[in-house]
Amino acid sequence: MKSKSFVFLLFLSLAGFFDSVYLTIFHYKHIIPPCTIAKGCETVLTSQFSTIFGIPISLVGSLFFLTLIILLLLGFFRYFKLLILEGVAVSIVLFSIQAFILHAFCQYCLLSEIIILAIFILSFKGYRFRRNLKTSGL
């Protein structure tokens, strides 16, 4: 993995971690964070979909991003890519819930989903090209 890509993946993972931690702190303080870009933070963050078995989705997100950071720093890129694939799948589901069920968007949730998508794209950028080189014997 190129060093620039590594640094950018680490930066994005840290940004996602801080975004998720921010929402987790607000959740446990029972405060709705200010929503200046997207309208609907309160709807999303207080919906039945904001927790799973009583655990806030933002806490799960914090652990997700922390795990990405650890995997990246330890050099476990295969596991990093597997986890980011799962993250993209979950992000699609959560985005769909906001769009089609709640009809409201949370800017912090959208930021997390965009970060996960960016990490996914950066992680697999050039993957097909490198794979084709390996299979062709080059």
Protein backbone atom coordinates (compact mmCIF):
# COMPACT_ATOMS: atom_id res chain seq x y z
CA MET A 1 0.00 0.00 0.00
CA LYS A 2 1.35 3.44 -0.89
CA SER A 3 2.31 5.67 2.01
CA LYS A 4 0.02 8.51 0.82
CA SER A 5 -2.91 6.11 0.68
CA PHE A 6 -2.04 4.79 4.13
CA VAL A 7 -1.96 8.29 5.62
CA PHE A 8 -5.23 9.24 3.95
CA LEU A 9 -6.94 6.01 5.11
CA LEU A 10 -5.69 6.68 8.63
CA PHE A 11 -6.93 10.29 8.47
CA LEU A 12 -10.37 9.21 7.23
CA SER A 13 -10.62 6.49 9.89
CA LEU A 14 -9.71 9.00 12.61
CA ALA A 15 -12.27 11.48 11.27
CA GLY A 16 -14.95 8.78 11.32
CA PHE A 17 -13.93 7.80 14.84
CA PHE A 18 -14.24 11.37 16.12
CA ASP A 19 -17.57 11.87 14.36
CA SER A 20 -18.97 8.70 15.94
CA VAL A 21 -17.55 9.50 19.39
CA TYR A 22 -19.11 12.99 19.17
CA LEU A 23 -22.54 11.46 18.53
CA THR A 24 -22.03 8.88 21.27
CA ILE A 25 -21.22 11.59 23.84
CA PHE A 26 -24.32 13.54 22.86
CA HIS A 27 -26.41 10.37 23.05
CA TYR A 28 -25.40 9.63 26.63
CA LYS A 29 -25.86 13.29 27.63
CA HIS A 30 -29.37 13.13 26.12
CA ILE A 31 -28.64 16.14 23.93
CA ILE A 32 -29.37 16.51 20.23
CA PRO A 33 -26.32 18.00 18.47
CA PRO A 34 -26.86 21.11 16.37
CA CYS A 35 -28.01 20.26 12.87
CA THR A 36 -27.02 23.09 10.53
CA ILE A 37 -26.66 21.42 7.12
CA ALA A 38 -29.21 18.61 6.97
CA LYS A 39 -32.56 18.95 8.65
CA GLY A 40 -33.66 15.94 10.63
CA CYS A 41 -30.94 15.14 13.14
CA GLU A 42 -33.44 14.91 15.98
CA THR A 43 -35.70 12.60 13.99
CA VAL A 44 -32.83 10.27 13.08
CA LEU A 45 -31.02 10.33 16.42
CA THR A 46 -34.15 9.66 18.48
CA SER A 47 -35.70 7.06 16.17
CA GLN A 48 -36.04 3.38 17.00
CA PHE A 49 -33.19 2.79 14.54
CA SER A 50 -30.67 4.86 16.52
CA THR A 51 -29.95 1.99 18.90
CA ILE A 52 -29.56 -1.75 18.61
CA PHE A 53 -30.33 -3.74 21.75
CA GLY A 54 -30.06 -0.48 23.71
CA ILE A 55 -26.58 0.33 22.34
CA PRO A 56 -26.36 3.51 20.27
CA ILE A 57 -25.38 2.97 16.63
CA SER A 58 -22.82 5.73 17.12
CA LEU A 59 -21.02 3.62 19.74
CA VAL A 60 -20.94 0.71 17.32
CA GLY A 61 -19.56 3.14 14.73
CA SER A 62 -16.88 4.32 17.15
CA LEU A 63 -15.77 0.74 17.73
CA PHE A 64 -15.88 0.11 13.97
CA PHE A 65 -13.59 3.04 13.20
CA LEU A 66 -11.29 2.22 16.12
CA THR A 67 -10.94 -1.32 14.77
CA LEU A 68 -10.14 0.08 11.31
CA ILE A 69 -7.43 2.27 12.84
CA ILE A 70 -5.90 -0.65 14.73
CA LEU A 71 -5.98 -2.97 11.71
CA LEU A 72 -4.40 -0.28 9.56
CA LEU A 73 -1.62 0.44 12.06
CA LEU A 74 -0.89 -3.26 12.50
CA GLY A 75 -0.74 -3.79 8.75
CA PHE A 76 -3.64 -6.24 8.58
CA PHE A 77 -4.87 -4.86 5.26
CA ARG A 78 -6.85 -7.96 4.28
CA TYR A 79 -8.94 -7.74 7.46
CA PHE A 80 -9.16 -3.98 7.02
CA LYS A 81 -10.71 -4.50 3.57
CA LEU A 82 -13.11 -7.16 4.84
CA LEU A 83 -14.29 -4.87 7.63
CA ILE A 84 -14.73 -1.91 5.30
CA LEU A 85 -16.87 -4.10 3.00
CA GLU A 86 -19.14 -4.80 5.95
CA GLY A 87 -19.12 -1.10 6.83
CA VAL A 88 -20.29 -0.15 3.35
CA ALA A 89 -23.14 -2.67 3.55
CA VAL A 90 -24.26 -1.31 6.93
CA SER A 91 -23.94 2.28 5.67
CA ILE A 92 -26.21 1.51 2.72
CA VAL A 93 -28.81 0.09 5.09
CA LEU A 94 -28.57 3.08 7.47
CA PHE A 95 -28.74 5.57 4.61
CA SER A 96 -31.79 3.76 3.22
CA ILE A 97 -33.49 3.94 6.61
CA GLN A 98 -32.92 7.70 6.70
CA ALA A 99 -34.11 8.20 3.12
CA PHE A 100 -37.02 5.81 2.79
CA ILE A 101 -38.35 5.18 6.28
CA LEU A 102 -37.56 8.28 8.36
CA HIS A 103 -37.53 10.78 5.48
CA ALA A 104 -34.94 12.73 7.47
CA PHE A 105 -31.18 13.02 7.43
CA CYS A 106 -28.58 13.53 10.12
CA GLN A 107 -25.51 15.40 8.87
CA TYR A 108 -23.23 13.52 11.28
CA CYS A 109 -24.59 10.17 10.11
CA LEU A 110 -24.18 11.22 6.49
CA LEU A 111 -20.60 12.28 7.21
CA SER A 112 -19.85 8.85 8.67
CA GLU A 113 -21.42 7.14 5.66
CA ILE A 114 -19.43 9.31 3.24
CA ILE A 115 -16.21 8.58 5.14
CA ILE A 116 -16.88 4.84 4.97
CA LEU A 117 -17.56 5.07 1.24
CA ALA A 118 -14.35 7.08 0.72
CA ILE A 119 -12.33 4.52 2.70
CA PHE A 120 -13.88 1.74 0.62
CA ILE A 121 -13.04 3.44 -2.68
CA LEU A 122 -9.49 4.26 -1.60
CA SER A 123 -8.93 0.75 -0.22
CA PHE A 124 -9.94 -0.97 -3.43
CA LYS A 125 -8.61 1.63 -5.87
CA GLY A 126 -6.52 -0.20 -8.42
CA TYR A 127 -7.48 -3.59 -6.97
CA ARG A 128 -8.81 -4.94 -10.28
CA PHE A 129 -5.72 -3.72 -12.16
CA ARG A 130 -3.31 -5.38 -9.69
CA ARG A 131 -5.40 -8.56 -9.72
CA ASN A 132 -5.30 -8.70 -13.54
CA LEU A 133 -1.52 -8.30 -13.48
CA LYS A 134 -1.17 -11.20 -11.05
CA THR A 135 -3.42 -13.54 -13.02
CA SER A 136 -1.71 -12.72 -16.32
CA GLY A 137 1.68 -13.61 -14.86
CA LEU A 138 3.10 -10.07 -14.98
